């Protein structure tokens, strides 16, 4: 079988024509949630004891303009 080389630019041009456009329901915002470009996304690493409901992590969960997307703690 012969290897066919294709440039990244050519691949992306073809992918944008065939790929469907998907927008999640929360991306544009609604009455309860601001649009995605007005929210802050947070990743929490090593929250430990500060991860409780009454602690720092719990306060972030109550903020409407912030969205926790990842948590990691050994």
C-alpha atoms as a PDB file:
ATOM      1  CA  UNK A   1       0.000   0.000   0.000  1.00  0.00           C
ATOM      2  CA  UNK A   2       1.302   3.422  -0.919  1.00  0.00           C
ATOM      3  CA  UNK A   3       1.486   6.177   1.721  1.00  0.00           C
ATOM      4  CA  UNK A   4      -0.427   9.313   0.796  1.00  0.00           C
ATOM      5  CA  UNK A   5       0.815  12.542   2.326  1.00  0.00           C
ATOM      6  CA  UNK A   6      -1.734  15.241   3.005  1.00  0.00           C
ATOM      7  CA  UNK A   7      -1.076  18.591   4.613  1.00  0.00           C
ATOM      8  CA  UNK A   8      -2.815  19.605   7.821  1.00  0.00           C
ATOM      9  CA  UNK A   9      -4.345  22.604   6.047  1.00  0.00           C
ATOM     10  CA  UNK A  10      -5.860  20.429   3.327  1.00  0.00           C
ATOM     11  CA  UNK A  11      -7.258  18.020   5.906  1.00  0.00           C
ATOM     12  CA  UNK A  12      -8.859  20.808   7.927  1.00  0.00           C
ATOM     13  CA  UNK A  13     -10.384  22.387   4.817  1.00  0.00           C
ATOM     14  CA  UNK A  14     -12.094  19.108   3.983  1.00  0.00           C
ATOM     15  CA  UNK A  15     -13.170  18.505   7.584  1.00  0.00           C
ATOM     16  CA  UNK A  16     -14.889  21.880   7.913  1.00  0.00           C
ATOM     17  CA  UNK A  17     -17.069  21.168   4.898  1.00  0.00           C
ATOM     18  CA  UNK A  18     -18.169  17.728   6.101  1.00  0.00           C
ATOM     19  CA  UNK A  19     -18.288  18.298   9.860  1.00  0.00           C
ATOM     20  CA  UNK A  20     -21.648  19.204  11.412  1.00  0.00           C
ATOM     21  CA  UNK A  21     -21.860  22.344  13.470  1.00  0.00           C
ATOM     22  CA  UNK A  22     -22.952  21.606  17.038  1.00  0.00           C
ATOM     23  CA  UNK A  23     -23.707  24.220  19.660  1.00  0.00           C
ATOM     24  CA  UNK A  24     -24.639  23.031  23.122  1.00  0.00           C
ATOM     25  CA  UNK A  25     -27.784  24.401  24.709  1.00  0.00           C
ATOM     26  CA  UNK A  26     -25.799  26.263  27.385  1.00  0.00           C
ATOM     27  CA  UNK A  27     -23.271  27.858  25.008  1.00  0.00           C
ATOM     28  CA  UNK A  28     -25.590  30.699  24.036  1.00  0.00           C
ATOM     29  CA  UNK A  29     -26.966  31.139  27.543  1.00  0.00           C
ATOM     30  CA  UNK A  30     -30.515  31.391  28.828  1.00  0.00           C
ATOM     31  CA  UNK A  31     -32.373  33.087  31.679  1.00  0.00           C
ATOM     32  CA  UNK A  32     -30.403  31.154  34.330  1.00  0.00           C
ATOM     33  CA  UNK A  33     -27.001  30.820  32.653  1.00  0.00           C
ATOM     34  CA  UNK A  34     -24.909  33.540  30.994  1.00  0.00           C
ATOM     35  CA  UNK A  35     -23.372  32.798  27.549  1.00  0.00           C
ATOM     36  CA  UNK A  36     -20.127  30.814  27.454  1.00  0.00           C
ATOM     37  CA  UNK A  37     -17.948  33.842  26.654  1.00  0.00           C
ATOM     38  CA  UNK A  38     -19.114  35.531  29.871  1.00  0.00           C
ATOM     39  CA  UNK A  39     -18.396  32.568  32.200  1.00  0.00           C
ATOM     40  CA  UNK A  40     -15.158  31.627  33.915  1.00  0.00           C
ATOM     41  CA  UNK A  41     -14.239  27.937  33.730  1.00  0.00           C
ATOM     42  CA  UNK A  42     -12.253  26.508  36.623  1.00  0.00           C
ATOM     43  CA  UNK A  43     -10.127  23.424  37.128  1.00  0.00           C
ATOM     44  CA  UNK A  44      -9.460  22.526  40.769  1.00  0.00           C
ATOM     45  CA  UNK A  45      -6.263  20.621  41.565  1.00  0.00           C
ATOM     46  CA  UNK A  46      -5.448  19.354  45.052  1.00  0.00           C
ATOM     47  CA  UNK A  47      -8.427  20.919  46.826  1.00  0.00           C
ATOM     48  CA  UNK A  48      -7.995  18.679  49.899  1.00  0.00           C
ATOM     49  CA  UNK A  49      -9.608  20.129  53.044  1.00  0.00           C
ATOM     50  CA  UNK A  50     -10.593  23.300  51.212  1.00  0.00           C
ATOM     51  CA  UNK A  51     -12.901  21.255  48.991  1.00  0.00           C
ATOM     52  CA  UNK A  52     -15.794  21.066  51.445  1.00  0.00           C
ATOM     53  CA  UNK A  53     -19.197  22.662  50.954  1.00  0.00           C
ATOM     54  CA  UNK A  54     -18.455  25.567  53.309  1.00  0.00           C
ATOM     55  CA  UNK A  55     -14.939  26.031  51.994  1.00  0.00           C
ATOM     56  CA  UNK A  56     -13.392  27.545  48.863  1.00  0.00           C
ATOM     57  CA  UNK A  57     -14.649  24.908  46.400  1.00  0.00           C
ATOM     58  CA  UNK A  58     -18.196  25.210  47.764  1.00  0.00           C
ATOM     59  CA  UNK A  59     -18.133  28.979  47.282  1.00  0.00           C
ATOM     60  CA  UNK A  60     -17.054  28.565  43.642  1.00  0.00           C
ATOM     61  CA  UNK A  61     -20.046  26.262  43.073  1.00  0.00           C
ATOM     62  CA  UNK A  62     -22.424  29.032  44.169  1.00  0.00           C
ATOM     63  CA  UNK A  63     -21.035  31.613  41.715  1.00  0.00           C
ATOM     64  CA  UNK A  64     -23.233  31.832  38.594  1.00  0.00           C
ATOM     65  CA  UNK A  65     -20.443  33.288  36.446  1.00  0.00           C
ATOM     66  CA  UNK A  66     -18.026  30.427  37.231  1.00  0.00           C
ATOM     67  CA  UNK A  67     -18.206  26.852  36.009  1.00  0.00           C
ATOM     68  CA  UNK A  68     -16.108  24.020  37.463  1.00  0.00           C
ATOM     69  CA  UNK A  69     -15.060  21.715  34.658  1.00  0.00           C
ATOM     70  CA  UNK A  70     -12.460  19.471  36.356  1.00  0.00           C
ATOM     71  CA  UNK A  71     -11.417  18.371  39.844  1.00  0.00           C
ATOM     72  CA  UNK A  72      -8.308  16.377  40.714  1.00  0.00           C
ATOM     73  CA  UNK A  73      -7.177  15.368  44.178  1.00  0.00           C
ATOM     74  CA  UNK A  74      -5.018  12.460  45.244  1.00  0.00           C
END
